[in-house]
Protein backbone atom coordinates (compact mmCIF):
# COMPACT_ATOMS: atom_id res chain seq x y z
CA UNK A 1 -3.71 49.06 -4.26
CA UNK A 2 -1.19 46.79 -5.95
CA UNK A 3 1.69 47.29 -8.38
CA UNK A 4 3.18 44.80 -10.88
CA UNK A 5 5.75 43.96 -8.20
CA UNK A 6 3.46 43.45 -5.21
CA UNK A 7 0.89 40.91 -4.33
CA UNK A 8 -2.60 41.48 -2.86
CA UNK A 9 -2.48 40.94 0.85
CA UNK A 10 -5.42 38.60 0.64
CA UNK A 11 -3.61 36.30 -1.73
CA UNK A 12 -0.60 36.10 0.56
CA UNK A 13 -2.77 35.39 3.56
CA UNK A 14 -4.69 32.71 1.66
CA UNK A 15 -1.45 30.97 0.73
CA UNK A 16 -0.02 31.18 4.22
CA UNK A 17 -3.21 29.84 5.75
CA UNK A 18 -3.35 27.00 3.28
CA UNK A 19 0.25 25.89 3.70
CA UNK A 20 0.21 26.69 7.40
CA UNK A 21 -2.86 24.55 7.92
CA UNK A 22 -1.20 21.76 5.92
CA UNK A 23 1.91 21.82 8.06
CA UNK A 24 -0.14 21.98 11.23
CA UNK A 25 -2.18 18.95 10.17
CA UNK A 26 0.95 16.94 9.57
CA UNK A 27 2.30 17.95 12.99
CA UNK A 28 -0.86 17.02 14.80
CA UNK A 29 -1.12 13.74 13.05
CA UNK A 30 2.39 12.63 14.03
CA UNK A 31 4.91 15.04 15.43
CA UNK A 32 7.80 12.75 14.58
CA UNK A 33 7.15 12.47 10.84
CA UNK A 34 9.46 14.48 8.70
CA UNK A 35 8.80 15.78 5.15
CA UNK A 36 11.42 16.26 2.50
CA UNK A 37 11.64 17.65 -1.03
CA UNK A 38 10.97 15.42 -3.97
CA UNK A 39 14.66 14.90 -4.85
CA UNK A 40 16.69 14.99 -1.58
CA UNK A 41 20.41 14.51 -2.01
CA UNK A 42 21.80 15.29 1.44
CA UNK A 43 23.63 12.28 2.98
CA UNK A 44 22.86 10.91 6.41
CA UNK A 45 25.35 9.49 8.83
CA UNK A 46 25.89 5.80 8.72
CA UNK A 47 24.80 3.99 11.85
CA UNK A 48 25.61 0.64 13.43
CA UNK A 49 22.41 -0.91 11.98
CA UNK A 50 22.91 0.25 8.39
CA UNK A 51 22.34 -2.51 5.84
CA UNK A 52 25.08 -3.21 3.39
CA UNK A 53 23.48 -4.64 0.33
CA UNK A 54 24.33 -3.45 -3.13
CA UNK A 55 21.37 -5.36 -4.60
CA UNK A 56 18.79 -3.75 -2.34
CA UNK A 57 15.42 -3.82 -4.11
CA UNK A 58 12.48 -1.50 -4.00
CA UNK A 59 9.50 -2.43 -1.80
CA UNK A 60 5.89 -1.35 -2.42
CA UNK A 61 3.09 -2.14 0.10
CA UNK A 62 -0.49 -1.90 -1.07
CA UNK A 63 -2.84 -1.76 1.97
CA UNK A 64 -6.53 -2.61 1.33
CA UNK A 65 -8.23 -0.76 4.17
CA UNK A 66 -11.52 -2.19 5.42
CA UNK A 67 -10.54 -5.88 5.31
CA UNK A 68 -10.87 -7.35 1.81
CA UNK A 69 -12.51 -10.71 1.26
CA UNK A 70 -9.58 -12.97 0.45
CA UNK A 71 -11.95 -15.89 -0.02
CA UNK A 72 -13.39 -14.16 -3.07
CA UNK A 73 -10.03 -13.13 -4.51
CA UNK A 74 -8.41 -16.54 -3.89
CA UNK A 75 -11.33 -18.85 -4.39
CA UNK A 76 -11.10 -22.32 -2.61
CA UNK A 77 -13.13 -24.00 -5.31
CA UNK A 78 -11.86 -27.41 -4.29
CA UNK A 79 -13.53 -27.23 -0.89
CA UNK A 80 -17.27 -28.15 -0.80
CA UNK A 81 -17.64 -26.22 2.48
CA UNK A 82 -16.94 -22.97 0.63
CA UNK A 83 -20.15 -23.33 -1.39
CA UNK A 84 -22.14 -24.49 1.61
CA UNK A 85 -21.01 -21.45 3.63
CA UNK A 86 -21.70 -19.02 0.82
CA UNK A 87 -24.74 -20.11 -1.12
CA UNK A 88 -25.29 -16.62 -2.71
CA UNK A 89 -21.91 -14.98 -2.94
CA UNK A 90 -19.47 -17.81 -3.62
CA UNK A 91 -17.48 -17.59 -6.85
CA UNK A 92 -18.38 -20.50 -9.11
CA UNK A 93 -15.91 -23.30 -9.67
CA UNK A 94 -13.90 -23.05 -12.89
CA UNK A 95 -15.68 -24.17 -16.04
CA UNK A 96 -14.23 -21.81 -18.59
CA UNK A 97 -17.15 -19.37 -18.61
CA UNK A 98 -16.78 -15.70 -17.86
CA UNK A 99 -18.32 -15.63 -14.36
CA UNK A 100 -16.48 -18.59 -12.88
CA UNK A 101 -13.12 -18.62 -11.07
CA UNK A 102 -9.93 -19.10 -13.06
CA UNK A 103 -8.23 -22.32 -12.04
CA UNK A 104 -4.87 -21.98 -10.36
CA UNK A 105 -4.73 -25.61 -9.18
CA UNK A 106 -7.12 -28.17 -7.75
CA UNK A 107 -7.54 -26.17 -4.55
CA UNK A 108 -7.69 -22.54 -5.46
CA UNK A 109 -8.84 -20.30 -8.33
CA UNK A 110 -8.73 -16.60 -9.10
CA UNK A 111 -11.71 -14.30 -9.12
CA UNK A 112 -12.69 -13.67 -12.75
CA UNK A 113 -12.35 -9.89 -12.29
CA UNK A 114 -8.67 -10.47 -11.57
CA UNK A 115 -8.01 -12.32 -14.83
CA UNK A 116 -5.31 -9.71 -15.64
CA UNK A 117 -3.14 -11.37 -12.91
CA UNK A 118 -3.26 -14.87 -14.45
CA UNK A 119 -0.19 -14.26 -16.75
CA UNK A 120 1.83 -13.10 -13.75
CA UNK A 121 0.87 -16.28 -11.88
CA UNK A 122 1.85 -18.34 -14.88
CA UNK A 123 5.14 -16.52 -15.16
CA UNK A 124 5.96 -17.43 -11.59
CA UNK A 125 6.23 -13.90 -10.25
CA UNK A 126 2.95 -13.82 -8.26
CA UNK A 127 2.31 -15.97 -5.16
CA UNK A 128 0.01 -16.01 -2.17
CA UNK A 129 -0.29 -17.20 1.42
CA UNK A 130 -3.86 -18.14 2.08
CA UNK A 131 -3.93 -17.91 5.86
CA UNK A 132 -1.74 -14.98 7.01
CA UNK A 133 -2.43 -12.09 9.30
CA UNK A 134 -1.94 -10.69 12.74
CA UNK A 135 -1.77 -13.07 15.73
CA UNK A 136 -3.98 -10.56 17.61
CA UNK A 137 -7.60 -11.47 17.05
CA UNK A 138 -9.13 -8.03 17.23
CA UNK A 139 -12.01 -7.28 14.89
CA UNK A 140 -11.49 -3.50 15.16
CA UNK A 141 -10.36 -1.91 11.93
CA UNK A 142 -8.54 0.86 13.80
CA UNK A 143 -6.65 -1.46 16.14
CA UNK A 144 -5.77 -4.05 13.51
CA UNK A 145 -4.46 -1.45 11.09
CA UNK A 146 -2.39 0.10 13.85
CA UNK A 147 -0.88 -3.32 14.60
CA UNK A 148 -0.02 -3.94 10.97
CA UNK A 149 1.48 -0.52 10.35
CA UNK A 150 3.66 -0.52 13.53
CA UNK A 151 4.48 -4.22 13.48
CA UNK A 152 3.27 -4.62 17.05
CA UNK A 153 0.18 -6.87 17.27
CA UNK A 154 -1.84 -6.33 20.38
CA UNK A 155 -0.34 -2.85 21.12
CA UNK A 156 -2.27 0.25 20.11
CA UNK A 157 -0.11 2.84 21.81
CA UNK A 158 1.89 5.40 19.91
CA UNK A 159 4.75 3.86 17.93
CA UNK A 160 6.72 4.40 14.75
CA UNK A 161 5.69 2.79 11.53
CA UNK A 162 7.78 -0.21 10.53
CA UNK A 163 8.46 1.14 6.99
CA UNK A 164 9.79 4.39 8.43
CA UNK A 165 12.11 2.37 10.73
CA UNK A 166 13.17 0.28 7.74
CA UNK A 167 14.09 3.36 5.76
CA UNK A 168 16.13 4.57 8.71
CA UNK A 169 18.41 1.56 8.36
CA UNK A 170 19.61 2.61 4.94
CA UNK A 171 21.75 5.66 4.23
CA UNK A 172 20.25 8.06 1.64
CA UNK A 173 17.11 5.91 1.43
CA UNK A 174 13.59 7.28 1.90
CA UNK A 175 10.02 6.15 1.77
CA UNK A 176 7.18 7.59 -0.33
CA UNK A 177 3.46 7.52 0.34
CA UNK A 178 0.86 8.37 -2.33
CA UNK A 179 -2.76 9.04 -1.42
CA UNK A 180 -3.09 9.29 2.39
CA UNK A 181 -2.12 12.40 4.35
CA UNK A 182 -0.43 10.70 7.29
CA UNK A 183 -0.19 6.86 7.00
CA UNK A 184 1.01 5.44 10.31
CA UNK A 185 3.34 3.01 8.55
CA UNK A 186 5.48 5.99 7.52
CA UNK A 187 5.48 7.78 10.83
CA UNK A 188 8.83 8.15 12.61
CA UNK A 189 12.09 9.96 12.63
CA UNK A 190 13.25 9.10 9.09
CA UNK A 191 12.25 11.74 6.50
CA UNK A 192 9.50 10.62 4.14
CA UNK A 193 7.74 12.15 1.10
CA UNK A 194 3.94 12.31 1.00
CA UNK A 195 1.93 12.96 -2.18
CA UNK A 196 -1.81 13.64 -2.49
CA UNK A 197 -4.29 11.24 -4.10
CA UNK A 198 -5.11 11.37 -7.76
CA UNK A 199 -4.84 14.47 -9.92
CA UNK A 200 -4.28 16.62 -6.82
CA UNK A 201 -0.68 15.39 -6.94
CA UNK A 202 -0.07 17.28 -10.18
CA UNK A 203 -1.32 20.62 -8.85
CA UNK A 204 1.11 23.13 -7.32
CA UNK A 205 -1.61 25.18 -5.69
CA UNK A 206 -1.08 28.80 -4.79
CA UNK A 207 2.65 28.25 -4.55
CA UNK A 208 2.71 27.57 -8.29
CA UNK A 209 2.42 31.36 -8.82
CA UNK A 210 5.98 32.69 -8.97
CA UNK A 211 5.24 35.94 -7.15
CA UNK A 212 3.27 34.22 -4.40
CA UNK A 213 5.98 31.58 -4.01
CA UNK A 214 8.75 34.23 -3.64
CA UNK A 215 6.72 36.42 -1.27
CA UNK A 216 5.82 33.52 1.03
CA UNK A 217 9.32 32.08 1.12
CA UNK A 218 10.75 35.48 2.10
CA UNK A 219 8.47 35.39 5.08
CA UNK A 220 9.87 31.97 6.00
CA UNK A 221 13.54 32.56 5.22
CA UNK A 222 14.74 31.90 8.72
CA UNK A 223 16.72 28.93 10.01
CA UNK A 224 14.29 27.92 12.71
CA UNK A 225 12.52 24.51 12.49
CA UNK A 226 9.22 25.93 11.36
CA UNK A 227 10.73 27.93 8.52
CA UNK A 228 12.77 24.96 7.35
CA UNK A 229 9.75 22.65 7.46
CA UNK A 230 7.65 25.23 5.60
CA UNK A 231 10.21 25.59 2.82
CA UNK A 232 10.70 21.82 2.50
CA UNK A 233 6.96 21.26 2.22
CA UNK A 234 6.48 24.03 -0.36
CA UNK A 235 9.40 22.86 -2.45
CA UNK A 236 8.27 19.21 -2.25
CA UNK A 237 4.84 20.03 -3.59
CA UNK A 238 6.26 22.08 -6.46
CA UNK A 239 8.78 19.52 -7.45
CA UNK A 240 6.30 16.65 -7.21
CA UNK A 241 3.70 18.44 -9.33
CA UNK A 242 6.29 19.36 -11.88
CA UNK A 243 7.59 15.81 -12.10
CA UNK A 244 4.16 14.22 -12.53
CA UNK A 245 2.97 16.86 -14.96
CA UNK A 246 6.05 16.34 -17.14
CA UNK A 247 5.45 12.58 -17.04
CA UNK A 248 1.86 12.99 -18.15
CA UNK A 249 2.83 15.30 -20.98
CA UNK A 250 5.25 12.66 -22.29
CA UNK A 251 2.51 9.99 -22.40
CA UNK A 252 0.25 9.19 -25.29
CA UNK A 253 -3.03 11.21 -25.13
CA UNK A 254 -5.22 8.16 -24.59
CA UNK A 255 -3.10 7.13 -21.52
CA UNK A 256 -3.57 10.56 -19.91
CA UNK A 257 -7.35 10.40 -20.56
CA UNK A 258 -7.47 7.01 -18.82
CA UNK A 259 -5.70 8.46 -15.79
CA UNK A 260 -8.14 11.38 -15.55
CA UNK A 261 -11.07 9.05 -15.86
CA UNK A 262 -9.78 6.79 -13.13
CA UNK A 263 -9.24 9.71 -10.75
CA UNK A 264 -12.58 11.36 -11.57
CA UNK A 265 -14.71 8.24 -11.08
CA UNK A 266 -15.15 8.82 -7.33
CA UNK A 267 -18.65 7.42 -7.24
CA UNK A 268 -17.42 3.96 -8.25
CA UNK A 269 -15.36 3.47 -5.04
CA UNK A 270 -11.94 4.45 -3.73
CA UNK A 271 -10.17 1.50 -5.40
CA UNK A 272 -10.86 3.08 -8.79
CA UNK A 273 -8.18 5.67 -8.10
CA UNK A 274 -5.49 3.13 -7.09
CA UNK A 275 -4.10 2.76 -10.56
CA UNK A 276 -3.47 6.46 -10.91
CA UNK A 277 -1.78 6.63 -7.52
CA UNK A 278 0.40 3.61 -8.47
CA UNK A 279 1.50 5.41 -11.64
CA UNK A 280 2.38 8.52 -9.68
CA UNK A 281 4.31 6.46 -7.14
CA UNK A 282 6.21 4.68 -9.90
CA UNK A 283 7.08 7.91 -11.67
CA UNK A 284 8.53 9.52 -8.56
CA UNK A 285 10.48 6.46 -7.50
CA UNK A 286 11.86 5.99 -11.01
CA UNK A 287 13.03 9.68 -11.12
CA UNK A 288 14.53 9.61 -7.65
CA UNK A 289 16.62 6.47 -6.83
CA UNK A 290 16.71 7.45 -3.11
CA UNK A 291 13.01 6.58 -2.89
CA UNK A 292 13.19 2.83 -2.25
CA UNK A 293 9.99 2.15 -0.27
CA UNK A 294 6.48 2.98 -1.44
CA UNK A 295 3.11 2.88 0.23
CA UNK A 296 -0.30 2.83 -1.46
CA UNK A 297 -3.74 2.29 -0.02
CA UNK A 298 -7.39 1.97 -1.02
CA UNK A 299 -10.63 1.85 0.94
CA UNK A 300 -13.99 0.41 0.14
CA UNK A 301 -13.35 -3.22 1.13
CA UNK A 302 -15.62 -3.47 4.19
CA UNK A 303 -18.31 -5.47 2.36
CA UNK A 304 -20.98 -6.13 5.03
CA UNK A 305 -23.79 -6.21 2.45
CA UNK A 306 -24.38 -6.92 -1.18
CA UNK A 307 -20.72 -7.60 -1.96
CA UNK A 308 -21.69 -9.55 -5.09
CA UNK A 309 -20.10 -12.69 -6.50
CA UNK A 310 -18.60 -12.82 -10.00
CA UNK A 311 -19.91 -9.29 -10.52
CA UNK A 312 -20.83 -6.47 -8.19
CA UNK A 313 -19.07 -3.99 -5.91
CA UNK A 314 -16.34 -6.29 -4.70
CA UNK A 315 -15.66 -7.52 -8.24
CA UNK A 316 -15.22 -3.93 -9.36
CA UNK A 317 -12.65 -3.32 -6.64
CA UNK A 318 -10.79 -6.51 -7.42
CA UNK A 319 -10.59 -5.56 -11.05
CA UNK A 320 -9.14 -2.18 -10.11
CA UNK A 321 -6.63 -3.91 -7.83
CA UNK A 322 -5.60 -6.39 -10.58
CA UNK A 323 -5.06 -3.57 -13.09
CA UNK A 324 -2.97 -1.74 -10.49
CA UNK A 325 -0.81 -4.81 -9.86
CA UNK A 326 -0.20 -5.29 -13.53
CA UNK A 327 0.98 -1.70 -13.75
CA UNK A 328 3.20 -2.10 -10.66
CA UNK A 329 4.80 -5.14 -12.20
CA UNK A 330 5.73 -3.13 -15.29
CA UNK A 331 7.28 -0.49 -13.09
CA UNK A 332 8.83 -2.61 -10.41
CA UNK A 333 10.44 -5.57 -12.18
CA UNK A 334 14.08 -5.32 -11.14
CA UNK A 335 15.61 -8.42 -9.58
CA UNK A 336 14.83 -7.61 -5.92
CA UNK A 337 11.77 -5.40 -6.33
CA UNK A 338 8.81 -6.64 -4.31
CA UNK A 339 5.10 -5.65 -4.20
CA UNK A 340 2.96 -6.80 -1.27
CA UNK A 341 -0.81 -6.69 -1.00
CA UNK A 342 -2.20 -6.83 2.59
CA UNK A 343 -5.26 -5.99 4.62
CA UNK A 344 -5.86 -5.67 8.38
CA UNK A 345 -7.80 -8.92 8.69
CA UNK A 346 -10.00 -11.20 6.60
CA UNK A 347 -13.76 -11.78 6.55
CA UNK A 348 -16.06 -14.45 7.77
CA UNK A 349 -16.06 -17.73 5.92
CA UNK A 350 -19.90 -17.69 5.82
CA UNK A 351 -21.96 -15.05 4.19
CA UNK A 352 -24.33 -13.02 6.44
CA UNK A 353 -28.00 -12.26 6.11
CA UNK A 354 -27.24 -9.22 3.90
CA UNK A 355 -25.33 -11.24 1.32
CA UNK A 356 -22.08 -9.80 2.57
CA UNK A 357 -19.41 -10.89 5.02
CA UNK A 358 -18.38 -9.62 8.44
CA UNK A 359 -15.05 -9.06 10.16
CA UNK A 360 -12.85 -12.13 10.31
CA UNK A 361 -9.23 -13.08 11.14
CA UNK A 362 -6.86 -14.72 8.63
CA UNK A 363 -6.58 -13.61 5.01
CA UNK A 364 -4.75 -14.04 1.74
CA UNK A 365 -1.42 -12.20 1.60
CA UNK A 366 -0.18 -11.62 -1.92
CA UNK A 367 3.47 -11.17 -3.07
CA UNK A 368 4.71 -10.15 -6.50
CA UNK A 369 8.29 -9.93 -7.72
CA UNK A 370 11.02 -11.77 -9.57
CA UNK A 371 12.26 -13.29 -6.28
CA UNK A 372 8.84 -14.76 -5.42
CA UNK A 373 8.61 -18.46 -5.87
CA UNK A 374 5.35 -17.82 -7.62
CA UNK A 375 2.72 -19.71 -9.57
CA UNK A 376 1.81 -21.49 -6.34
CA UNK A 377 0.41 -20.85 -2.91
CA UNK A 378 2.53 -21.15 0.24
CA UNK A 379 2.01 -22.12 3.85
CA UNK A 380 -0.69 -24.09 5.66
CA UNK A 381 -4.23 -24.55 4.44
CA UNK A 382 -6.61 -26.83 6.29
CA UNK A 383 -9.88 -26.03 4.52
CA UNK A 384 -13.11 -24.51 5.66
CA UNK A 385 -14.67 -27.26 7.75
CA UNK A 386 -15.98 -25.67 10.94
CA UNK A 387 -13.42 -27.47 13.16
CA UNK A 388 -10.58 -25.86 11.18
CA UNK A 389 -11.91 -22.31 11.52
CA UNK A 390 -10.91 -19.68 14.09
CA UNK A 391 -13.74 -19.49 16.59
CA UNK A 392 -15.69 -21.65 14.20
CA UNK A 393 -16.22 -18.79 11.74
CA UNK A 394 -13.01 -17.34 10.29
CA UNK A 395 -9.86 -18.34 8.50
CA UNK A 396 -7.15 -18.94 11.10
CA UNK A 397 -3.85 -17.04 11.00
CA UNK A 398 -1.28 -19.82 10.43
CA UNK A 399 1.39 -17.35 9.42
CA UNK A 400 2.23 -14.14 11.32
CA UNK A 401 2.37 -11.21 8.84
CA UNK A 402 5.63 -10.13 10.46
CA UNK A 403 7.18 -13.48 9.66
CA UNK A 404 6.21 -12.98 5.99
CA UNK A 405 7.70 -9.49 6.00
CA UNK A 406 10.84 -10.91 7.60
CA UNK A 407 11.28 -13.34 4.79
CA UNK A 408 10.92 -10.53 2.27
CA UNK A 409 13.19 -8.08 4.04
CA UNK A 410 15.93 -10.62 4.66
CA UNK A 411 15.97 -11.77 1.00
CA UNK A 412 15.50 -8.44 -0.80
CA UNK A 413 16.76 -5.84 1.64
CA UNK A 414 19.61 -7.78 3.30
CA UNK A 415 18.38 -7.32 6.92
CA UNK A 416 20.04 -9.38 9.53
CA UNK A 417 18.09 -11.50 12.01
CA UNK A 418 19.02 -8.95 14.74
CA UNK A 419 17.65 -6.13 12.68
CA UNK A 420 14.44 -8.03 12.00
CA UNK A 421 14.02 -8.68 15.76
CA UNK A 422 14.47 -4.94 16.41
CA UNK A 423 11.96 -4.08 13.66
CA UNK A 424 9.33 -6.60 14.75
CA UNK A 425 9.73 -7.26 18.50
CA UNK A 426 8.37 -10.61 19.58
CA UNK A 427 8.00 -12.12 16.17
CA UNK A 428 9.36 -15.60 15.40
CA UNK A 429 11.03 -16.77 12.17
CA UNK A 430 8.63 -19.02 10.20
CA UNK A 431 10.70 -21.77 8.62
CA UNK A 432 7.66 -23.26 6.89
CA UNK A 433 7.91 -20.21 4.54
CA UNK A 434 11.52 -20.73 3.70
CA UNK A 435 10.58 -21.66 0.13
CA UNK A 436 8.47 -18.47 -0.33
CA UNK A 437 11.27 -16.71 -2.14
CA UNK A 438 13.90 -18.00 -4.56
CA UNK A 439 17.24 -18.89 -3.15
């Protein structure tokens, strides 16, 4: 029996099991990751490694899990070897028609599905490094992603994520991840905020019911670590859902419909939901200035078969990525804001027998921001002749991804060389990339 002032026992148990399971999953995934409410205000003590930079920008990393094919996004149309290696899936050289690459210069073009990025290239805020990546040559997705997210190539043991460590250098600064439950890049001792993928981010769940919320929090009113974590997680979900719901209500009706369509179109591939996640990330970072670092990811890039050329599965994903980057540029256009697009490794230069590509090595690393010396590509490019390829099959890694990150973090976050060496042990400064960002 219930009264107007009591809750059914089953409802309370359901809520406790749901939130308890959520907290347990976070703890099992990484027992050093901390979760905070959507608008934390409490100060943290200043340490000896704190960065003093009044012009600190916001940093967003977009991780394309599965190893995207950079040779389709950044088309080396000026190299005859490209067309010899890929007779069925190469993107045609620029000729002005819809299914050919968009000329960037005499060496490279842009995939036609990424046409939305051409104005950003022409404005000089979008640049690319054709042959970047991890110096470790593993072809394992799991290992390579671990190396990228910890900043420790060749080491797959437990370690903190480099973005979490970066957030720990700045007082009152936190990182935000939208989409994944426990991205390794955010694992560590610094508190972070994690938000579900798609429309799930706007739902408060059982805790959205006022009576359930009050009853559950009374059970976790203590000052022990579990109770504190439980309350923080519950409050974070409520505040996040409220913030994103209010943001949607203030948008034109057609924009809301577009968001819902993007999130619902699960059958078209994970990248289709990236735009919605990016909009959620931007809303939360705009409303809370303490959120300075953002992480997004999308899967569906492991194109071993039938990846297509000017159209097809890969083209659809690249179009979704381009639309996402256009949106991110609108939302992250302050002087030192930076958006990076990365993947764990590239793909083979030659197509395989299934009209796809296999695991490779080097890849195109994209950078977007007002400080990018854009409208051009940077670094070393030797072409696709077999003698120039890694193991005779892949793009080489001419530029360590950590050296690229070091350039970005030194210019836009004010990190010292000592702090960079602590963040990325064993990396070396790459002076050939000194013109990557504006002085």
